[in-house]
């Protein structure tokens, strides 16, 4: 009996030693990996044995393990707001991407409206352990400082809806290894198209609301000026658009009072209520003197349907929100070890230009709707090497070229 007890005790001690050895192996995992495992369920389920097996597999096939990573990609997004039309859609699109991609986490930061605040946001995201940052930077200063900060901390950085406005800024950014590039709307060509629309209506004399405070605004103004030159349209007066919209009504009214032959107003931006104020001023003018002066504007707004019906609104530019997913694809692929280009990525994404109520109806149904994902799971994954080793920068550009209201309608209807 004593011998049996001794044998049993030996067996117990043997299993205890094995258990302790396994426990010690786990404590050798670096803190950074432990943190990632705590934030992603699939990573947390990994065991030491699985890691050893992965090492064996890697020895057998390095390419396969390079393509499939289990660690989560932590992405920080700095955006001005999630409350307006563009912000709501960007928030919806990127969160949807996080749902369909099996290793993506997003940390959002909203409400910063100056360079210092955006840089502070980036510092906080880096401290939180993100692998990459996407940002709609407010100016070149924020762009350059965040890029430098990310480069110093080996965090990838992608600009969206903006580009460097100065060649000096671009030259500095291009020296940063962790700066991926920018994605921006095809602004200048779209501005040119809006002037062509005016020309098709026979318009020859316009007033302009705009500025050259950023690269985007400069491109919009350049396209407008090029169009006016090509289509022989005269700019009779111009007023400055900025964050303070309190003077917009008086600026538009002054043009109407000073130039009786004015035929239309062109707005570089309609955000912050600028388009609504302009339409209301033109509506009052129409009722007062019986003459219709039209407006074409960038940025969608609440009163579009009525303005189209009254023939005050002749065109509105919007529909650029899916650009965020193209910017995301460039950033994600770089983080994942498969950058789309050896050079900095420079993506142009088209706008949608709505010219009547029918266009607006389609826009509201298919685009301006957070319940609709224009880029579905299949399209999103097609842009990522993780799911499609054949993906390329050309694929993203082809998607951009195809983008139109008709393409959106066809794409979404094909899923039903």
Protein backbone atom coordinates (compact mmCIF):
# COMPACT_ATOMS: atom_id res chain seq x y z
CA UNK A 1 0.00 0.00 0.00
CA UNK A 2 2.82 2.39 0.87
CA UNK A 3 4.44 1.69 -2.49
CA UNK A 4 1.23 2.60 -4.29
CA UNK A 5 1.01 5.88 -2.35
CA UNK A 6 4.63 6.70 -3.21
CA UNK A 7 3.98 6.03 -6.92
CA UNK A 8 0.88 8.25 -6.88
CA UNK A 9 2.82 11.06 -5.18
CA UNK A 10 5.55 10.87 -7.83
CA UNK A 11 2.99 11.15 -10.61
CA UNK A 12 1.40 14.19 -8.94
CA UNK A 13 4.78 15.92 -8.52
CA UNK A 14 5.65 15.23 -12.16
CA UNK A 15 2.45 16.88 -13.46
CA UNK A 16 2.94 19.83 -11.09
CA UNK A 17 6.42 20.47 -12.51
CA UNK A 18 5.07 20.45 -16.08
CA UNK A 19 2.32 22.90 -15.11
CA UNK A 20 4.84 25.29 -13.52
CA UNK A 21 7.02 25.20 -16.62
CA UNK A 22 4.04 26.20 -18.78
CA UNK A 23 3.22 29.08 -16.44
CA UNK A 24 6.77 30.45 -16.58
CA UNK A 25 6.72 30.40 -20.40
CA UNK A 26 3.71 32.73 -20.44
CA UNK A 27 5.46 35.35 -18.31
CA UNK A 28 8.17 35.72 -20.95
CA UNK A 29 5.67 37.37 -23.35
CA UNK A 30 6.51 41.11 -23.77
CA UNK A 31 4.11 43.62 -22.20
CA UNK A 32 3.15 45.01 -25.60
CA UNK A 33 1.92 41.64 -26.78
CA UNK A 34 0.01 41.11 -23.54
CA UNK A 35 -1.77 44.42 -24.08
CA UNK A 36 -2.77 43.44 -27.60
CA UNK A 37 -4.10 40.12 -26.44
CA UNK A 38 -6.26 41.84 -23.86
CA UNK A 39 -7.92 44.02 -26.49
CA UNK A 40 -8.60 41.40 -29.16
CA UNK A 41 -10.45 38.20 -28.36
CA UNK A 42 -8.83 36.15 -31.12
CA UNK A 43 -5.35 37.18 -29.96
CA UNK A 44 -6.18 36.45 -26.33
CA UNK A 45 -6.99 32.85 -27.24
CA UNK A 46 -3.44 32.21 -28.49
CA UNK A 47 -1.41 29.80 -26.35
CA UNK A 48 2.28 29.15 -26.01
CA UNK A 49 1.83 25.91 -27.90
CA UNK A 50 0.15 27.76 -30.76
CA UNK A 51 3.04 30.23 -30.88
CA UNK A 52 5.52 27.36 -31.06
CA UNK A 53 3.50 25.77 -33.87
CA UNK A 54 3.39 29.13 -35.68
CA UNK A 55 7.17 29.25 -35.44
CA UNK A 56 7.37 25.80 -37.01
CA UNK A 57 4.98 26.82 -39.77
CA UNK A 58 7.01 29.95 -40.41
CA UNK A 59 10.13 27.90 -40.91
CA UNK A 60 8.23 25.84 -43.47
CA UNK A 61 6.52 28.72 -45.24
CA UNK A 62 7.65 32.26 -44.44
CA UNK A 63 5.39 33.84 -47.06
CA UNK A 64 2.21 32.34 -45.64
CA UNK A 65 2.78 33.61 -42.10
CA UNK A 66 3.81 37.05 -43.43
CA UNK A 67 0.40 37.38 -45.06
CA UNK A 68 -1.70 36.34 -42.05
CA UNK A 69 -1.17 38.27 -38.82
CA UNK A 70 -3.16 37.70 -35.63
CA UNK A 71 -2.16 40.84 -33.75
CA UNK A 72 -4.83 43.55 -33.94
CA UNK A 73 -4.25 46.66 -36.01
CA UNK A 74 -5.00 49.61 -33.75
CA UNK A 75 -6.01 52.66 -35.73
CA UNK A 76 -6.51 56.18 -34.38
CA UNK A 77 -8.79 58.54 -36.31
CA UNK A 78 -8.76 62.31 -35.73
CA UNK A 79 -11.82 63.98 -37.26
CA UNK A 80 -13.48 67.31 -36.64
CA UNK A 81 -16.96 65.90 -35.91
CA UNK A 82 -19.30 62.96 -36.34
CA UNK A 83 -22.43 65.12 -36.33
CA UNK A 84 -22.60 66.72 -39.79
CA UNK A 85 -23.33 64.82 -43.01
CA UNK A 86 -19.72 64.02 -43.88
CA UNK A 87 -18.77 63.18 -40.30
CA UNK A 88 -21.70 60.81 -39.88
CA UNK A 89 -20.82 58.90 -43.04
CA UNK A 90 -17.08 58.70 -42.32
CA UNK A 91 -17.89 57.43 -38.82
CA UNK A 92 -20.29 54.85 -40.26
CA UNK A 93 -17.97 53.67 -43.05
CA UNK A 94 -14.86 53.18 -40.91
CA UNK A 95 -16.77 51.51 -38.09
CA UNK A 96 -18.25 49.12 -40.65
CA UNK A 97 -14.73 48.35 -41.86
CA UNK A 98 -13.78 47.52 -38.27
CA UNK A 99 -16.70 45.07 -38.13
CA UNK A 100 -15.78 43.15 -41.28
CA UNK A 101 -11.99 43.12 -40.80
CA UNK A 102 -11.05 40.52 -38.23
CA UNK A 103 -8.11 42.34 -36.62
CA UNK A 104 -9.03 46.03 -36.73
CA UNK A 105 -9.70 48.32 -33.77
CA UNK A 106 -10.48 52.04 -34.12
CA UNK A 107 -10.07 54.76 -31.52
CA UNK A 108 -11.83 58.00 -32.45
CA UNK A 109 -11.02 61.59 -31.45
CA UNK A 110 -13.40 64.44 -32.31
CA UNK A 111 -13.71 68.17 -31.77
CA UNK A 112 -10.23 69.63 -32.36
CA UNK A 113 -10.18 72.75 -34.53
CA UNK A 114 -6.57 73.95 -34.38
CA UNK A 115 -3.13 72.51 -35.03
CA UNK A 116 -2.07 72.36 -31.38
CA UNK A 117 -5.18 70.39 -30.40
CA UNK A 118 -4.77 67.93 -33.25
CA UNK A 119 -1.12 67.36 -32.35
CA UNK A 120 -2.18 66.74 -28.74
CA UNK A 121 -4.75 64.24 -30.01
CA UNK A 122 -2.03 62.43 -31.94
CA UNK A 123 0.22 62.34 -28.86
CA UNK A 124 -2.59 60.76 -26.83
CA UNK A 125 -3.30 58.16 -29.52
CA UNK A 126 0.36 57.23 -29.76
CA UNK A 127 0.51 56.89 -25.96
CA UNK A 128 -2.51 54.58 -26.22
CA UNK A 129 -0.51 52.28 -28.50
CA UNK A 130 -2.04 52.82 -31.95
CA UNK A 131 -0.23 51.44 -35.00
CA UNK A 132 -1.43 54.17 -37.33
CA UNK A 133 -3.26 57.49 -37.40
CA UNK A 134 -5.64 58.91 -39.99
CA UNK A 135 -6.47 62.60 -39.80
CA UNK A 136 -8.32 65.34 -41.61
CA UNK A 137 -5.62 67.85 -40.76
CA UNK A 138 -6.71 71.47 -40.49
CA UNK A 139 -3.55 72.97 -41.98
CA UNK A 140 0.02 72.26 -43.06
CA UNK A 141 1.34 72.92 -39.56
CA UNK A 142 -0.79 70.17 -38.03
CA UNK A 143 0.03 67.87 -40.93
CA UNK A 144 3.78 68.28 -40.58
CA UNK A 145 3.88 68.14 -36.78
CA UNK A 146 1.73 65.00 -36.59
CA UNK A 147 3.78 63.35 -39.35
CA UNK A 148 6.99 64.13 -37.47
CA UNK A 149 5.54 62.87 -34.20
CA UNK A 150 4.38 59.64 -35.83
CA UNK A 151 7.71 59.13 -37.55
CA UNK A 152 9.60 59.52 -34.28
CA UNK A 153 7.35 56.91 -32.67
CA UNK A 154 7.22 54.53 -35.66
CA UNK A 155 3.48 55.03 -36.10
CA UNK A 156 2.10 55.18 -39.64
CA UNK A 157 0.31 58.38 -40.65
CA UNK A 158 -2.23 58.96 -43.43
CA UNK A 159 -3.85 62.29 -44.33
CA UNK A 160 -7.43 62.27 -45.64
CA UNK A 161 -9.55 64.97 -47.29
CA UNK A 162 -6.48 67.20 -47.33
CA UNK A 163 -3.05 67.48 -48.96
CA UNK A 164 0.03 69.64 -48.36
CA UNK A 165 -0.64 73.17 -49.61
CA UNK A 166 3.04 74.09 -49.89
CA UNK A 167 5.78 72.27 -51.78
CA UNK A 168 8.08 72.79 -48.79
CA UNK A 169 5.65 70.88 -46.57
CA UNK A 170 5.33 68.07 -49.09
CA UNK A 171 9.12 67.82 -49.38
CA UNK A 172 9.47 67.43 -45.61
CA UNK A 173 6.67 64.87 -45.37
CA UNK A 174 8.23 62.79 -48.13
CA UNK A 175 11.32 62.29 -45.98
CA UNK A 176 9.33 60.57 -43.22
CA UNK A 177 9.39 56.79 -43.45
CA UNK A 178 6.09 56.38 -41.57
CA UNK A 179 4.17 58.99 -43.57
CA UNK A 180 2.02 56.95 -45.99
CA UNK A 181 0.53 59.78 -48.06
CA UNK A 182 -2.73 61.61 -48.62
CA UNK A 183 -6.16 61.06 -50.16
CA UNK A 184 -8.08 64.07 -51.38
CA UNK A 185 -11.09 64.90 -53.51
CA UNK A 186 -10.56 65.70 -57.19
CA UNK A 187 -11.33 69.26 -56.27
CA UNK A 188 -9.95 71.35 -59.10
CA UNK A 189 -11.57 69.34 -61.89
CA UNK A 190 -14.89 69.33 -60.03
CA UNK A 191 -14.76 73.11 -59.66
CA UNK A 192 -14.16 73.38 -63.38
CA UNK A 193 -17.19 71.12 -63.98
CA UNK A 194 -19.45 73.38 -61.88
CA UNK A 195 -18.52 76.34 -64.08
CA UNK A 196 -19.30 74.28 -67.17
CA UNK A 197 -22.75 73.63 -65.72
CA UNK A 198 -23.24 77.39 -65.38
CA UNK A 199 -22.04 77.90 -68.94
CA UNK A 200 -24.55 75.32 -70.20
CA UNK A 201 -27.24 77.53 -68.65
CA UNK A 202 -25.92 80.50 -70.57
CA UNK A 203 -24.51 82.23 -67.51
CA UNK A 204 -21.90 84.94 -68.14
CA UNK A 205 -21.75 87.03 -64.93
CA UNK A 206 -21.28 85.63 -61.44
CA UNK A 207 -20.32 86.49 -57.87
CA UNK A 208 -17.90 84.26 -55.98
CA UNK A 209 -17.58 83.29 -52.32
CA UNK A 210 -14.23 81.70 -51.56
CA UNK A 211 -10.73 81.91 -50.13
CA UNK A 212 -7.26 80.45 -50.55
CA UNK A 213 -6.63 79.57 -46.91
CA UNK A 214 -5.77 75.92 -47.59
CA UNK A 215 -4.65 73.60 -50.38
CA UNK A 216 -8.24 72.44 -50.87
CA UNK A 217 -9.69 75.94 -51.12
CA UNK A 218 -6.89 77.02 -53.44
CA UNK A 219 -7.60 74.10 -55.77
CA UNK A 220 -11.31 74.91 -55.79
CA UNK A 221 -10.61 78.51 -56.65
CA UNK A 222 -8.13 77.47 -59.35
CA UNK A 223 -10.71 75.23 -61.00
CA UNK A 224 -13.32 77.97 -60.87
CA UNK A 225 -10.96 80.54 -62.40
CA UNK A 226 -9.86 78.14 -65.14
CA UNK A 227 -13.48 77.40 -65.97
CA UNK A 228 -14.43 81.07 -66.08
CA UNK A 229 -11.57 81.73 -68.47
CA UNK A 230 -12.44 78.82 -70.78
CA UNK A 231 -16.18 79.56 -70.82
CA UNK A 232 -15.89 83.36 -70.91
CA UNK A 233 -17.64 83.99 -67.60
CA UNK A 234 -16.96 87.23 -65.74
CA UNK A 235 -16.51 87.33 -61.96
CA UNK A 236 -18.12 90.66 -61.04
CA UNK A 237 -17.48 90.47 -57.30
CA UNK A 238 -15.95 88.21 -54.71
CA UNK A 239 -16.35 87.85 -50.94
CA UNK A 240 -14.28 85.95 -48.40
CA UNK A 241 -15.54 82.76 -46.79
CA UNK A 242 -14.21 81.72 -43.40
CA UNK A 243 -15.29 80.14 -40.13
CA UNK A 244 -17.25 83.28 -39.22
CA UNK A 245 -20.43 83.11 -41.32
CA UNK A 246 -22.12 86.14 -39.75
CA UNK A 247 -21.34 88.34 -42.76
CA UNK A 248 -22.44 85.93 -45.51
CA UNK A 249 -25.97 87.31 -45.80
CA UNK A 250 -24.76 90.90 -46.10
CA UNK A 251 -21.97 89.91 -48.51
CA UNK A 252 -24.41 88.21 -50.87
CA UNK A 253 -26.96 91.00 -50.53
CA UNK A 254 -24.31 93.61 -51.35
CA UNK A 255 -23.51 91.81 -54.59
CA UNK A 256 -27.19 91.63 -55.50
CA UNK A 257 -27.64 95.33 -54.76
CA UNK A 258 -24.45 96.43 -56.50
CA UNK A 259 -24.76 94.36 -59.68
CA UNK A 260 -28.23 94.23 -61.17
CA UNK A 261 -26.95 92.02 -64.00
CA UNK A 262 -25.54 89.33 -61.68
CA UNK A 263 -26.81 85.90 -62.74
CA UNK A 264 -25.41 83.43 -60.23
CA UNK A 265 -23.36 82.92 -57.08
CA UNK A 266 -20.58 80.32 -56.91
CA UNK A 267 -19.60 79.09 -53.43
CA UNK A 268 -16.31 77.40 -52.72
CA UNK A 269 -17.91 76.00 -49.56
CA UNK A 270 -21.45 75.71 -48.29
CA UNK A 271 -20.65 74.25 -44.88
CA UNK A 272 -21.37 75.89 -41.52
CA UNK A 273 -24.70 77.15 -42.88
CA UNK A 274 -23.16 79.19 -45.72
CA UNK A 275 -25.25 77.48 -48.42
CA UNK A 276 -28.48 77.82 -46.41
CA UNK A 277 -27.85 81.52 -45.79
CA UNK A 278 -27.06 82.14 -49.45
CA UNK A 279 -30.16 80.30 -50.67
CA UNK A 280 -32.40 82.21 -48.24
CA UNK A 281 -30.90 85.52 -49.40
CA UNK A 282 -31.44 84.61 -53.05
CA UNK A 283 -34.98 83.45 -52.27
CA UNK A 284 -35.79 86.79 -50.65
CA UNK A 285 -34.29 88.56 -53.67
CA UNK A 286 -36.42 86.45 -56.01
CA UNK A 287 -39.57 87.34 -54.08
CA UNK A 288 -38.59 91.02 -53.86
CA UNK A 289 -37.59 91.81 -57.45
CA UNK A 290 -38.94 88.83 -59.36
CA UNK A 291 -35.53 87.78 -60.67
CA UNK A 292 -33.92 84.41 -60.05
CA UNK A 293 -30.21 84.37 -59.26
CA UNK A 294 -28.96 80.80 -58.95
CA UNK A 295 -26.24 79.25 -56.85
CA UNK A 296 -23.83 76.36 -57.22
CA UNK A 297 -22.04 75.24 -54.09
CA UNK A 298 -19.70 72.69 -52.64
CA UNK A 299 -21.11 70.80 -49.63
CA UNK A 300 -24.62 69.44 -49.24
CA UNK A 301 -27.08 71.13 -46.89
CA UNK A 302 -30.56 70.70 -45.44
CA UNK A 303 -32.52 72.94 -47.79
CA UNK A 304 -31.46 71.35 -51.08
CA UNK A 305 -34.83 69.87 -52.10
CA UNK A 306 -36.76 73.15 -51.85
CA UNK A 307 -33.94 75.11 -53.50
CA UNK A 308 -33.89 72.74 -56.47
CA UNK A 309 -37.68 72.98 -56.82
CA UNK A 310 -37.50 76.78 -56.81
CA UNK A 311 -34.69 76.71 -59.40
CA UNK A 312 -32.43 78.66 -57.05
CA UNK A 313 -30.02 75.75 -56.56
CA UNK A 314 -28.36 74.76 -59.85
CA UNK A 315 -25.75 72.41 -58.52
CA UNK A 316 -24.35 71.00 -55.29
CA UNK A 317 -21.12 69.09 -54.83
CA UNK A 318 -20.76 66.28 -52.30
CA UNK A 319 -20.56 62.51 -52.09
CA UNK A 320 -16.89 62.25 -51.17
CA UNK A 321 -17.18 60.27 -47.93
CA UNK A 322 -15.97 56.89 -49.36
CA UNK A 323 -12.60 58.58 -49.80
CA UNK A 324 -11.96 57.71 -46.15
CA UNK A 325 -11.95 54.01 -47.03
CA UNK A 326 -9.38 54.51 -49.77
CA UNK A 327 -7.18 56.40 -47.31
CA UNK A 328 -7.77 53.63 -44.79
CA UNK A 329 -6.75 50.94 -47.31
CA UNK A 330 -3.44 52.72 -48.00
CA UNK A 331 -2.75 53.00 -44.26
CA UNK A 332 -3.86 49.48 -43.29
CA UNK A 333 -1.75 47.84 -46.00
CA UNK A 334 1.32 49.79 -44.87
CA UNK A 335 0.78 48.76 -41.25
CA UNK A 336 0.21 45.18 -42.38
CA UNK A 337 3.59 45.13 -44.10
CA UNK A 338 2.31 45.40 -47.67
CA UNK A 339 2.41 49.07 -48.74
CA UNK A 340 0.63 49.83 -52.00
CA UNK A 341 3.56 51.83 -53.32
CA UNK A 342 7.23 52.41 -52.70
CA UNK A 343 6.48 56.11 -53.11
CA UNK A 344 4.11 58.21 -51.02
CA UNK A 345 0.49 57.45 -51.91
CA UNK A 346 -1.39 60.32 -53.55
CA UNK A 347 -5.03 59.44 -54.15
CA UNK A 348 -7.66 61.53 -55.93
CA UNK A 349 -11.33 60.73 -55.31
CA UNK A 350 -14.20 62.16 -57.37
CA UNK A 351 -17.12 64.15 -56.06
CA UNK A 352 -20.74 63.68 -57.02
CA UNK A 353 -22.30 66.76 -58.65
CA UNK A 354 -26.09 66.94 -58.25
CA UNK A 355 -27.95 69.19 -60.68
CA UNK A 356 -31.65 68.50 -60.11
CA UNK A 357 -34.25 66.93 -57.82
CA UNK A 358 -33.88 63.51 -59.45
CA UNK A 359 -30.17 63.47 -58.66
CA UNK A 360 -30.98 64.53 -55.11
CA UNK A 361 -33.52 61.73 -54.63
CA UNK A 362 -30.95 59.13 -55.66
CA UNK A 363 -28.33 60.81 -53.48
CA UNK A 364 -30.55 60.73 -50.40
CA UNK A 365 -31.54 57.12 -51.00
CA UNK A 366 -28.16 55.62 -51.79
CA UNK A 367 -25.49 57.95 -50.44
CA UNK A 368 -26.68 60.30 -47.71
CA UNK A 369 -27.79 57.35 -45.61
CA UNK A 370 -25.74 55.80 -42.81
CA UNK A 371 -27.73 52.56 -43.18
CA UNK A 372 -26.18 52.02 -46.63
CA UNK A 373 -22.57 50.90 -47.06
CA UNK A 374 -21.48 51.96 -50.55
CA UNK A 375 -18.25 49.99 -50.11
CA UNK A 376 -19.48 46.64 -48.80
CA UNK A 377 -17.42 43.90 -47.17
CA UNK A 378 -16.35 42.47 -50.53
CA UNK A 379 -15.07 45.79 -51.86
CA UNK A 380 -13.31 46.72 -48.61
CA UNK A 381 -11.52 43.39 -48.42
CA UNK A 382 -10.56 43.59 -52.09
CA UNK A 383 -8.47 46.67 -51.24
CA UNK A 384 -6.49 44.89 -48.51
CA UNK A 385 -3.57 42.53 -49.14
CA UNK A 386 -4.62 40.52 -46.10
CA UNK A 387 -7.64 39.27 -48.05
CA UNK A 388 -6.57 39.94 -51.64
CA UNK A 389 -2.86 39.51 -52.43
CA UNK A 390 -3.56 40.92 -55.91
CA UNK A 391 -4.64 44.31 -54.56
CA UNK A 392 -2.77 47.35 -55.80
CA UNK A 393 -2.80 51.11 -56.02
CA UNK A 394 -4.27 50.74 -59.50
CA UNK A 395 -7.23 48.83 -58.06
CA UNK A 396 -8.00 51.76 -55.74
CA UNK A 397 -7.67 54.20 -58.62
CA UNK A 398 -10.00 52.08 -60.78
CA UNK A 399 -12.59 52.13 -58.01
CA UNK A 400 -12.29 55.91 -57.88
CA UNK A 401 -12.68 56.24 -61.64
CA UNK A 402 -15.86 54.14 -61.54
CA UNK A 403 -17.43 56.16 -58.73
CA UNK A 404 -20.61 57.98 -59.78
CA UNK A 405 -24.26 58.14 -58.81
CA UNK A 406 -25.08 55.53 -61.48
CA UNK A 407 -22.33 53.22 -60.18
CA UNK A 408 -23.60 53.55 -56.61
CA UNK A 409 -27.15 52.73 -57.67
CA UNK A 410 -26.06 49.72 -59.74
CA UNK A 411 -23.69 48.44 -57.05
CA UNK A 412 -26.23 48.58 -54.23
CA UNK A 413 -29.12 47.21 -56.30
CA UNK A 414 -26.96 44.24 -57.37
CA UNK A 415 -26.78 43.12 -53.73
CA UNK A 416 -30.55 42.73 -53.41
